[in-house]
Amino acid sequence: MTQLTPPQDCRDMDALRAEIDALDARLVALLATRADYIDRAIALKQTNGWPARIPERVEDVVSKVRSAANVGGLDPELAETLWRQLIDWSIAREAQVIRET
């Protein structure tokens, strides 16, 4: 993975946009990997007879993300909003498959 140029070292908008595009590609790749883990969760939940939504786990994930955002300098409210949407998508994906079996 290529090292990103720090924002302060980007000399013009083209360079800055290229770095943002590269970062976006990395984020998409990480989200795709996360989806692979969700697919594995589906299999494990089916084996254990667990539901797609486990409210305690949802709140645990959100709490950890808010904490990481706070430490990392990202607005925790933004992080929570994004992750709740990601979690809802993941649970819907799980529920669709779990109901089929």
PDB file of N, CA and C in Angstrom:
ATOM      1  N   MET A   1       0.840  -1.170   0.000  1.00  0.00           N
ATOM      2  CA  MET A   1       0.000   0.000   0.000  1.00  0.00           C
ATOM      3  C   MET A   1       0.894   1.247   0.000  1.00  0.00           C
ATOM      4  N   THR A   2       0.610   2.131  -0.905  1.00  0.00           N
ATOM      5  CA  THR A   2       1.396   3.344  -1.049  1.00  0.00           C
ATOM      6  C   THR A   2       1.102   4.312   0.094  1.00  0.00           C
ATOM      7  N   GLN A   3       2.139   4.959   0.566  1.00  0.00           N
ATOM      8  CA  GLN A   3       1.998   5.956   1.626  1.00  0.00           C
ATOM      9  C   GLN A   3       1.293   7.190   1.086  1.00  0.00           C
ATOM     10  N   LEU A   4       0.343   7.709   1.836  1.00  0.00           N
ATOM     11  CA  LEU A   4      -0.330   8.937   1.440  1.00  0.00           C
ATOM     12  C   LEU A   4       0.560  10.141   1.724  1.00  0.00           C
ATOM     13  N   THR A   5       0.418  11.164   0.907  1.00  0.00           N
ATOM     14  CA  THR A   5       1.097  12.434   1.152  1.00  0.00           C
ATOM     15  C   THR A   5       0.310  13.177   2.226  1.00  0.00           C
ATOM     16  N   PRO A   6       0.961  13.665   3.271  1.00  0.00           N
ATOM     17  CA  PRO A   6       0.234  14.427   4.295  1.00  0.00           C
ATOM     18  C   PRO A   6      -0.483  15.625   3.668  1.00  0.00           C
ATOM     19  N   PRO A   7      -1.669  15.961   4.177  1.00  0.00           N
ATOM     20  CA  PRO A   7      -2.446  17.055   3.587  1.00  0.00           C
ATOM     21  C   PRO A   7      -1.651  18.352   3.446  1.00  0.00           C
ATOM     22  N   GLN A   8      -0.857  18.667   4.452  1.00  0.00           N
ATOM     23  CA  GLN A   8      -0.100  19.918   4.403  1.00  0.00           C
ATOM     24  C   GLN A   8       0.978  19.930   3.321  1.00  0.00           C
ATOM     25  N   ASP A   9       1.327  18.756   2.799  1.00  0.00           N
ATOM     26  CA  ASP A   9       2.336  18.674   1.738  1.00  0.00           C
ATOM     27  C   ASP A   9       1.730  18.665   0.336  1.00  0.00           C
ATOM     28  N   CYS A  10       0.418  18.673   0.243  1.00  0.00           N
ATOM     29  CA  CYS A  10      -0.238  18.746  -1.064  1.00  0.00           C
ATOM     30  C   CYS A  10      -0.166  20.189  -1.546  1.00  0.00           C
ATOM     31  N   ARG A  11       0.452  20.394  -2.688  1.00  0.00           N
ATOM     32  CA  ARG A  11       0.742  21.746  -3.169  1.00  0.00           C
ATOM     33  C   ARG A  11      -0.411  22.412  -3.918  1.00  0.00           C
ATOM     34  N   ASP A  12      -1.369  21.588  -4.410  1.00  0.00           N
ATOM     35  CA  ASP A  12      -2.484  22.174  -5.155  1.00  0.00           C
ATOM     36  C   ASP A  12      -3.696  21.257  -5.032  1.00  0.00           C
ATOM     37  N   MET A  13      -4.814  21.698  -5.552  1.00  0.00           N
ATOM     38  CA  MET A  13      -6.052  20.939  -5.442  1.00  0.00           C
ATOM     39  C   MET A  13      -5.980  19.599  -6.175  1.00  0.00           C
ATOM     40  N   ASP A  14      -5.276  19.553  -7.298  1.00  0.00           N
ATOM     41  CA  ASP A  14      -5.154  18.277  -8.017  1.00  0.00           C
ATOM     42  C   ASP A  14      -4.445  17.240  -7.157  1.00  0.00           C
ATOM     43  N   ALA A  15      -3.374  17.646  -6.505  1.00  0.00           N
ATOM     44  CA  ALA A  15      -2.629  16.729  -5.635  1.00  0.00           C
ATOM     45  C   ALA A  15      -3.483  16.316  -4.442  1.00  0.00           C
ATOM     46  N   LEU A  16      -4.183  17.270  -3.860  1.00  0.00           N
ATOM     47  CA  LEU A  16      -5.047  16.978  -2.717  1.00  0.00           C
ATOM     48  C   LEU A  16      -6.170  16.014  -3.115  1.00  0.00           C
ATOM     49  N   ARG A  17      -6.792  16.269  -4.250  1.00  0.00           N
ATOM     50  CA  ARG A  17      -7.870  15.398  -4.718  1.00  0.00           C
ATOM     51  C   ARG A  17      -7.366  13.992  -5.021  1.00  0.00           C
ATOM     52  N   ALA A  18      -6.175  13.894  -5.560  1.00  0.00           N
ATOM     53  CA  ALA A  18      -5.596  12.571  -5.837  1.00  0.00           C
ATOM     54  C   ALA A  18      -5.409  11.792  -4.535  1.00  0.00           C
ATOM     55  N   GLU A  19      -4.989  12.456  -3.484  1.00  0.00           N
ATOM     56  CA  GLU A  19      -4.807  11.799  -2.190  1.00  0.00           C
ATOM     57  C   GLU A  19      -6.151  11.392  -1.592  1.00  0.00           C
ATOM     58  N   ILE A  20      -7.149  12.264  -1.711  1.00  0.00           N
ATOM     59  CA  ILE A  20      -8.486  11.922  -1.226  1.00  0.00           C
ATOM     60  C   ILE A  20      -9.028  10.718  -1.984  1.00  0.00           C
ATOM     61  N   ASP A  21      -8.839  10.691  -3.298  1.00  0.00           N
ATOM     62  CA  ASP A  21      -9.289   9.545  -4.101  1.00  0.00           C
ATOM     63  C   ASP A  21      -8.590   8.258  -3.667  1.00  0.00           C
ATOM     64  N   ALA A  22      -7.290   8.345  -3.391  1.00  0.00           N
ATOM     65  CA  ALA A  22      -6.538   7.170  -2.939  1.00  0.00           C
ATOM     66  C   ALA A  22      -7.043   6.704  -1.569  1.00  0.00           C
ATOM     67  N   LEU A  23      -7.306   7.645  -0.710  1.00  0.00           N
ATOM     68  CA  LEU A  23      -7.827   7.312   0.612  1.00  0.00           C
ATOM     69  C   LEU A  23      -9.221   6.690   0.498  1.00  0.00           C
ATOM     70  N   ASP A  24     -10.060   7.245  -0.361  1.00  0.00           N
ATOM     71  CA  ASP A  24     -11.390   6.670  -0.582  1.00  0.00           C
ATOM     72  C   ASP A  24     -11.291   5.224  -1.065  1.00  0.00           C
ATOM     73  N   ALA A  25     -10.366   4.948  -1.956  1.00  0.00           N
ATOM     74  CA  ALA A  25     -10.189   3.578  -2.453  1.00  0.00           C
ATOM     75  C   ALA A  25      -9.793   2.635  -1.310  1.00  0.00           C
ATOM     76  N   ARG A  26      -8.952   3.106  -0.413  1.00  0.00           N
ATOM     77  CA  ARG A  26      -8.564   2.291   0.746  1.00  0.00           C
ATOM     78  C   ARG A  26      -9.757   2.038   1.656  1.00  0.00           C
ATOM     79  N   LEU A  27     -10.543   3.077   1.883  1.00  0.00           N
ATOM     80  CA  LEU A  27     -11.722   2.927   2.736  1.00  0.00           C
ATOM     81  C   LEU A  27     -12.695   1.913   2.148  1.00  0.00           C
ATOM     82  N   VAL A  28     -12.903   1.978   0.839  1.00  0.00           N
ATOM     83  CA  VAL A  28     -13.797   1.022   0.176  1.00  0.00           C
ATOM     84  C   VAL A  28     -13.254  -0.397   0.331  1.00  0.00           C
ATOM     85  N   ALA A  29     -11.963  -0.575   0.164  1.00  0.00           N
ATOM     86  CA  ALA A  29     -11.357  -1.900   0.319  1.00  0.00           C
ATOM     87  C   ALA A  29     -11.541  -2.417   1.750  1.00  0.00           C
ATOM     88  N   LEU A  30     -11.369  -1.550   2.726  1.00  0.00           N
ATOM     89  CA  LEU A  30     -11.566  -1.952   4.119  1.00  0.00           C
ATOM     90  C   LEU A  30     -13.025  -2.307   4.395  1.00  0.00           C
ATOM     91  N   LEU A  31     -13.940  -1.534   3.833  1.00  0.00           N
ATOM     92  CA  LEU A  31     -15.361  -1.844   4.009  1.00  0.00           C
ATOM     93  C   LEU A  31     -15.728  -3.170   3.346  1.00  0.00           C
ATOM     94  N   ALA A  32     -15.126  -3.452   2.206  1.00  0.00           N
ATOM     95  CA  ALA A  32     -15.368  -4.736   1.543  1.00  0.00           C
ATOM     96  C   ALA A  32     -14.844  -5.884   2.407  1.00  0.00           C
ATOM     97  N   THR A  33     -13.708  -5.695   3.038  1.00  0.00           N
ATOM     98  CA  THR A  33     -13.172  -6.709   3.950  1.00  0.00           C
ATOM     99  C   THR A  33     -14.093  -6.881   5.151  1.00  0.00           C
ATOM    100  N   ARG A  34     -14.620  -5.771   5.660  1.00  0.00           N
ATOM    101  CA  ARG A  34     -15.568  -5.844   6.777  1.00  0.00           C
ATOM    102  C   ARG A  34     -16.800  -6.653   6.364  1.00  0.00           C
ATOM    103  N   ALA A  35     -17.265  -6.457   5.146  1.00  0.00           N
ATOM    104  CA  ALA A  35     -18.415  -7.222   4.648  1.00  0.00           C
ATOM    105  C   ALA A  35     -18.103  -8.717   4.608  1.00  0.00           C
ATOM    106  N   ASP A  36     -16.861  -9.077   4.307  1.00  0.00           N
ATOM    107  CA  ASP A  36     -16.463 -10.491   4.341  1.00  0.00           C
ATOM    108  C   ASP A  36     -16.611 -11.060   5.758  1.00  0.00           C
ATOM    109  N   TYR A  37     -16.258 -10.244   6.759  1.00  0.00           N
ATOM    110  CA  TYR A  37     -16.412 -10.680   8.145  1.00  0.00           C
ATOM    111  C   TYR A  37     -17.891 -10.809   8.511  1.00  0.00           C
ATOM    112  N   ILE A  38     -18.716  -9.938   7.974  1.00  0.00           N
ATOM    113  CA  ILE A  38     -20.157 -10.031   8.201  1.00  0.00           C
ATOM    114  C   ILE A  38     -20.680 -11.339   7.598  1.00  0.00           C
ATOM    115  N   ASP A  39     -20.192 -11.696   6.426  1.00  0.00           N
ATOM    116  CA  ASP A  39     -20.607 -12.962   5.816  1.00  0.00           C
ATOM    117  C   ASP A  39     -20.234 -14.141   6.703  1.00  0.00           C
ATOM    118  N   ARG A  40     -19.077 -14.093   7.319  1.00  0.00           N
ATOM    119  CA  ARG A  40     -18.681 -15.163   8.245  1.00  0.00           C
ATOM    120  C   ARG A  40     -19.576 -15.151   9.485  1.00  0.00           C
ATOM    121  N   ALA A  41     -19.941 -13.961   9.948  1.00  0.00           N
ATOM    122  CA  ALA A  41     -20.844 -13.853  11.099  1.00  0.00           C
ATOM    123  C   ALA A  41     -22.180 -14.529  10.805  1.00  0.00           C
ATOM    124  N   ILE A  42     -22.637 -14.401   9.573  1.00  0.00           N
ATOM    125  CA  ILE A  42     -23.892 -15.044   9.186  1.00  0.00           C
ATOM    126  C   ILE A  42     -23.808 -16.546   9.437  1.00  0.00           C
ATOM    127  N   ALA A  43     -22.749 -17.152   8.966  1.00  0.00           N
ATOM    128  CA  ALA A  43     -22.583 -18.598   9.137  1.00  0.00           C
ATOM    129  C   ALA A  43     -22.517 -18.979  10.609  1.00  0.00           C
ATOM    130  N   LEU A  44     -21.770 -18.219  11.391  1.00  0.00           N
ATOM    131  CA  LEU A  44     -21.647 -18.526  12.809  1.00  0.00           C
ATOM    132  C   LEU A  44     -22.968 -18.312  13.552  1.00  0.00           C
ATOM    133  N   LYS A  45     -23.680 -17.256  13.201  1.00  0.00           N
ATOM    134  CA  LYS A  45     -24.980 -17.013  13.840  1.00  0.00           C
ATOM    135  C   LYS A  45     -25.967 -18.123  13.484  1.00  0.00           C
ATOM    136  N   GLN A  46     -25.938 -18.585  12.246  1.00  0.00           N
ATOM    137  CA  GLN A  46     -26.825 -19.678  11.851  1.00  0.00           C
ATOM    138  C   GLN A  46     -26.514 -20.941  12.659  1.00  0.00           C
ATOM    139  N   THR A  47     -25.243 -21.235  12.794  1.00  0.00           N
ATOM    140  CA  THR A  47     -24.818 -22.423  13.541  1.00  0.00           C
ATOM    141  C   THR A  47     -25.276 -22.358  14.993  1.00  0.00           C
ATOM    142  N   ASN A  48     -25.214 -21.151  15.575  1.00  0.00           N
ATOM    143  CA  ASN A  48     -25.559 -20.978  16.988  1.00  0.00           C
ATOM    144  C   ASN A  48     -27.027 -20.637  17.216  1.00  0.00           C
ATOM    145  N   GLY A  49     -27.778 -20.443  16.146  1.00  0.00           N
ATOM    146  CA  GLY A  49     -29.178 -20.083  16.282  1.00  0.00           C
ATOM    147  C   GLY A  49     -29.386 -18.660  16.788  1.00  0.00           C
ATOM    148  N   TRP A  50     -28.434 -17.794  16.509  1.00  0.00           N
ATOM    149  CA  TRP A  50     -28.502 -16.403  16.971  1.00  0.00           C
ATOM    150  C   TRP A  50     -29.217 -15.542  15.941  1.00  0.00           C
ATOM    151  N   PRO A  51     -29.851 -14.467  16.403  1.00  0.00           N
ATOM    152  CA  PRO A  51     -30.514 -13.549  15.478  1.00  0.00           C
ATOM    153  C   PRO A  51     -29.487 -12.636  14.794  1.00  0.00           C
ATOM    154  N   ALA A  52     -29.935 -12.011  13.731  1.00  0.00           N
ATOM    155  CA  ALA A  52     -29.063 -11.065  13.025  1.00  0.00           C
ATOM    156  C   ALA A  52     -28.719  -9.872  13.923  1.00  0.00           C
ATOM    157  N   ARG A  53     -29.734  -9.330  14.601  1.00  0.00           N
ATOM    158  CA  ARG A  53     -29.513  -8.152  15.465  1.00  0.00           C
ATOM    159  C   ARG A  53     -29.347  -8.606  16.910  1.00  0.00           C
ATOM    160  N   ILE A  54     -28.214  -8.232  17.466  1.00  0.00           N
ATOM    161  CA  ILE A  54     -27.951  -8.451  18.889  1.00  0.00           C
ATOM    162  C   ILE A  54     -27.692  -7.058  19.474  1.00  0.00           C
ATOM    163  N   PRO A  55     -28.712  -6.464  20.083  1.00  0.00           N
ATOM    164  CA  PRO A  55     -28.631  -5.060  20.505  1.00  0.00           C
ATOM    165  C   PRO A  55     -27.408  -4.722  21.366  1.00  0.00           C
ATOM    166  N   GLU A  56     -27.030  -5.618  22.269  1.00  0.00           N
ATOM    167  CA  GLU A  56     -25.860  -5.342  23.124  1.00  0.00           C
ATOM    168  C   GLU A  56     -24.595  -5.206  22.281  1.00  0.00           C
ATOM    169  N   ARG A  57     -24.482  -6.037  21.259  1.00  0.00           N
ATOM    170  CA  ARG A  57     -23.310  -5.983  20.381  1.00  0.00           C
ATOM    171  C   ARG A  57     -23.315  -4.691  19.574  1.00  0.00           C
ATOM    172  N   VAL A  58     -24.473  -4.282  19.096  1.00  0.00           N
ATOM    173  CA  VAL A  58     -24.583  -3.029  18.342  1.00  0.00           C
ATOM    174  C   VAL A  58     -24.059  -1.877  19.192  1.00  0.00           C
ATOM    175  N   GLU A  59     -24.532  -1.800  20.423  1.00  0.00           N
ATOM    176  CA  GLU A  59     -24.123  -0.693  21.292  1.00  0.00           C
ATOM    177  C   GLU A  59     -22.647  -0.780  21.670  1.00  0.00           C
ATOM    178  N   ASP A  60     -22.129  -1.997  21.796  1.00  0.00           N
ATOM    179  CA  ASP A  60     -20.701  -2.183  22.072  1.00  0.00           C
ATOM    180  C   ASP A  60     -19.859  -1.664  20.906  1.00  0.00           C
ATOM    181  N   VAL A  61     -20.256  -2.003  19.680  1.00  0.00           N
ATOM    182  CA  VAL A  61     -19.527  -1.540  18.490  1.00  0.00           C
ATOM    183  C   VAL A  61     -19.570  -0.018  18.413  1.00  0.00           C
ATOM    184  N   VAL A  62     -20.751   0.565  18.608  1.00  0.00           N
ATOM    185  CA  VAL A  62     -20.889   2.021  18.531  1.00  0.00           C
ATOM    186  C   VAL A  62     -20.026   2.696  19.598  1.00  0.00           C
ATOM    187  N   SER A  63     -20.030   2.163  20.791  1.00  0.00           N
ATOM    188  CA  SER A  63     -19.219   2.729  21.872  1.00  0.00           C
ATOM    189  C   SER A  63     -17.733   2.706  21.522  1.00  0.00           C
ATOM    190  N   LYS A  64     -17.275   1.587  20.991  1.00  0.00           N
ATOM    191  CA  LYS A  64     -15.855   1.464  20.608  1.00  0.00           C
ATOM    192  C   LYS A  64     -15.506   2.428  19.475  1.00  0.00           C
ATOM    193  N   VAL A  65     -16.409   2.580  18.521  1.00  0.00           N
ATOM    194  CA  VAL A  65     -16.165   3.480  17.388  1.00  0.00           C
ATOM    195  C   VAL A  65     -16.125   4.935  17.864  1.00  0.00           C
ATOM    196  N   ARG A  66     -17.047   5.313  18.736  1.00  0.00           N
ATOM    197  CA  ARG A  66     -17.047   6.676  19.276  1.00  0.00           C
ATOM    198  C   ARG A  66     -15.737   6.958  20.011  1.00  0.00           C
ATOM    199  N   SER A  67     -15.290   5.994  20.778  1.00  0.00           N
ATOM    200  CA  SER A  67     -14.040   6.140  21.523  1.00  0.00           C
ATOM    201  C   SER A  67     -12.852   6.291  20.572  1.00  0.00           C
ATOM    202  N   ALA A  68     -12.803   5.429  19.569  1.00  0.00           N
ATOM    203  CA  ALA A  68     -11.710   5.498  18.588  1.00  0.00           C
ATOM    204  C   ALA A  68     -11.747   6.818  17.831  1.00  0.00           C
ATOM    205  N   ALA A  69     -12.941   7.287  17.500  1.00  0.00           N
ATOM    206  CA  ALA A  69     -13.068   8.567  16.797  1.00  0.00           C
ATOM    207  C   ALA A  69     -12.551   9.699  17.662  1.00  0.00           C
ATOM    208  N   ASN A  70     -12.920   9.676  18.909  1.00  0.00           N
ATOM    209  CA  ASN A  70     -12.483  10.719  19.833  1.00  0.00           C
ATOM    210  C   ASN A  70     -10.958  10.753  19.938  1.00  0.00           C
ATOM    211  N   VAL A  71     -10.353   9.596  20.080  1.00  0.00           N
ATOM    212  CA  VAL A  71      -8.888   9.503  20.163  1.00  0.00           C
ATOM    213  C   VAL A  71      -8.244   9.917  18.843  1.00  0.00           C
ATOM    214  N   GLY A  72      -8.875   9.539  17.728  1.00  0.00           N
ATOM    215  CA  GLY A  72      -8.308   9.805  16.409  1.00  0.00           C
ATOM    216  C   GLY A  72      -8.591  11.187  15.850  1.00  0.00           C
ATOM    217  N   GLY A  73      -9.340  11.997  16.583  1.00  0.00           N
ATOM    218  CA  GLY A  73      -9.607  13.354  16.121  1.00  0.00           C
ATOM    219  C   GLY A  73     -10.770  13.481  15.158  1.00  0.00           C
ATOM    220  N   LEU A  74     -11.649  12.489  15.148  1.00  0.00           N
ATOM    221  CA  LEU A  74     -12.847  12.539  14.306  1.00  0.00           C
ATOM    222  C   LEU A  74     -14.045  12.823  15.204  1.00  0.00           C
ATOM    223  N   ASP A  75     -14.975  13.603  14.733  1.00  0.00           N
ATOM    224  CA  ASP A  75     -16.179  13.907  15.489  1.00  0.00           C
ATOM    225  C   ASP A  75     -16.894  12.602  15.834  1.00  0.00           C
ATOM    226  N   PRO A  76     -17.051  12.270  17.125  1.00  0.00           N
ATOM    227  CA  PRO A  76     -17.716  11.027  17.514  1.00  0.00           C
ATOM    228  C   PRO A  76     -19.159  10.926  17.014  1.00  0.00           C
ATOM    229  N   GLU A  77     -19.846  12.062  16.895  1.00  0.00           N
ATOM    230  CA  GLU A  77     -21.217  12.043  16.380  1.00  0.00           C
ATOM    231  C   GLU A  77     -21.235  11.580  14.921  1.00  0.00           C
ATOM    232  N   LEU A  78     -20.290  12.081  14.139  1.00  0.00           N
ATOM    233  CA  LEU A  78     -20.182  11.659  12.745  1.00  0.00           C
ATOM    234  C   LEU A  78     -19.873  10.167  12.674  1.00  0.00           C
ATOM    235  N   ALA A  79     -18.906   9.736  13.472  1.00  0.00           N
ATOM    236  CA  ALA A  79     -18.532   8.322  13.467  1.00  0.00           C
ATOM    237  C   ALA A  79     -19.723   7.451  13.841  1.00  0.00           C
ATOM    238  N   GLU A  80     -20.462   7.849  14.868  1.00  0.00           N
ATOM    239  CA  GLU A  80     -21.623   7.054  15.278  1.00  0.00           C
ATOM    240  C   GLU A  80     -22.667   6.994  14.173  1.00  0.00           C
ATOM    241  N   THR A  81     -22.934   8.122  13.539  1.00  0.00           N
ATOM    242  CA  THR A  81     -23.918   8.147  12.455  1.00  0.00           C
ATOM    243  C   THR A  81     -23.510   7.205  11.322  1.00  0.00           C
ATOM    244  N   LEU A  82     -22.251   7.284  10.923  1.00  0.00           N
ATOM    245  CA  LEU A  82     -21.765   6.424   9.841  1.00  0.00           C
ATOM    246  C   LEU A  82     -21.837   4.957  10.236  1.00  0.00           C
ATOM    247  N   TRP A  83     -21.411   4.649  11.452  1.00  0.00           N
ATOM    248  CA  TRP A  83     -21.376   3.246  11.867  1.00  0.00           C
ATOM    249  C   TRP A  83     -22.763   2.677  12.088  1.00  0.00           C
ATOM    250  N   ARG A  84     -23.675   3.474  12.595  1.00  0.00           N
ATOM    251  CA  ARG A  84     -25.042   2.946  12.748  1.00  0.00           C
ATOM    252  C   ARG A  84     -25.631   2.588  11.381  1.00  0.00           C
ATOM    253  N   GLN A  85     -25.322   3.392  10.382  1.00  0.00           N
ATOM    254  CA  GLN A  85     -25.792   3.057   9.040  1.00  0.00           C
ATOM    255  C   GLN A  85     -25.114   1.778   8.540  1.00  0.00           C
ATOM    256  N   LEU A  86     -23.814   1.668   8.770  1.00  0.00           N
ATOM    257  CA  LEU A  86     -23.068   0.476   8.373  1.00  0.00           C
ATOM    258  C   LEU A  86     -23.587  -0.764   9.114  1.00  0.00           C
ATOM    259  N   ILE A  87     -23.847  -0.609  10.397  1.00  0.00           N
ATOM    260  CA  ILE A  87     -24.368  -1.719  11.193  1.00  0.00           C
ATOM    261  C   ILE A  87     -25.752  -2.122  10.692  1.00  0.00           C
ATOM    262  N   ASP A  88     -26.609  -1.156  10.431  1.00  0.00           N
ATOM    263  CA  ASP A  88     -27.954  -1.466   9.927  1.00  0.00           C
ATOM    264  C   ASP A  88     -27.875  -2.219   8.603  1.00  0.00           C
ATOM    265  N   TRP A  89     -26.981  -1.792   7.720  1.00  0.00           N
ATOM    266  CA  TRP A  89     -26.793  -2.483   6.447  1.00  0.00           C
ATOM    267  C   TRP A  89     -26.320  -3.918   6.693  1.00  0.00           C
ATOM    268  N   SER A  90     -25.367  -4.063   7.608  1.00  0.00           N
ATOM    269  CA  SER A  90     -24.819  -5.389   7.905  1.00  0.00           C
ATOM    270  C   SER A  90     -25.886  -6.315   8.474  1.00  0.00           C
ATOM    271  N   ILE A  91     -26.688  -5.798   9.388  1.00  0.00           N
ATOM    272  CA  ILE A  91     -27.739  -6.606   9.995  1.00  0.00           C
ATOM    273  C   ILE A  91     -28.786  -6.993   8.957  1.00  0.00           C
ATOM    274  N   ALA A  92     -29.137  -6.075   8.087  1.00  0.00           N
ATOM    275  CA  ALA A  92     -30.099  -6.392   7.018  1.00  0.00           C
ATOM    276  C   ALA A  92     -29.540  -7.490   6.122  1.00  0.00           C
ATOM    277  N   ARG A  93     -28.260  -7.426   5.831  1.00  0.00           N
ATOM    278  CA  ARG A  93     -27.612  -8.463   5.018  1.00  0.00           C
ATOM    279  C   ARG A  93     -27.673  -9.806   5.733  1.00  0.00           C
ATOM    280  N   GLU A  94     -27.371  -9.799   7.024  1.00  0.00           N
ATOM    281  CA  GLU A  94     -27.433 -11.030   7.815  1.00  0.00           C
ATOM    282  C   GLU A  94     -28.853 -11.579   7.864  1.00  0.00           C
ATOM    283  N   ALA A  95     -29.809 -10.701   8.162  1.00  0.00           N
ATOM    284  CA  ALA A  95     -31.204 -11.134   8.332  1.00  0.00           C
ATOM    285  C   ALA A  95     -31.751 -11.753   7.055  1.00  0.00           C
ATOM    286  N   GLN A  96     -31.377 -11.218   5.923  1.00  0.00           N
ATOM    287  CA  GLN A  96     -31.852 -11.749   4.659  1.00  0.00           C
ATOM    288  C   GLN A  96     -31.428 -13.191   4.483  1.00  0.00           C
ATOM    289  N   VAL A  97     -30.199 -13.508   4.845  1.00  0.00           N
ATOM    290  CA  VAL A  97     -29.697 -14.870   4.668  1.00  0.00           C
ATOM    291  C   VAL A  97     -30.192 -15.785   5.781  1.00  0.00           C
ATOM    292  N   ILE A  98     -30.174 -15.300   7.008  1.00  0.00           N
ATOM    293  CA  ILE A  98     -30.578 -16.130   8.137  1.00  0.00           C
ATOM    294  C   ILE A  98     -32.039 -16.563   7.992  1.00  0.00           C
ATOM    295  N   ARG A  99     -32.896 -15.701   7.490  1.00  0.00           N
ATOM    296  CA  ARG A  99     -34.308 -16.047   7.298  1.00  0.00           C
ATOM    297  C   ARG A  99     -34.510 -17.080   6.198  1.00  0.00           C
ATOM    298  N   GLU A 100     -33.568 -17.165   5.273  1.00  0.00           N
ATOM    299  CA  GLU A 100     -33.705 -18.096   4.131  1.00  0.00           C
ATOM    300  C   GLU A 100     -33.505 -19.542   4.538  1.00  0.00           C
ATOM    301  N   THR A 101     -32.854 -19.766   5.658  1.00  0.00           N
ATOM    302  CA  THR A 101     -32.555 -21.159   6.015  1.00  0.00           C
ATOM    303  C   THR A 101     -33.512 -21.703   7.038  1.00  0.00           C
TER     304      THR A 101
END
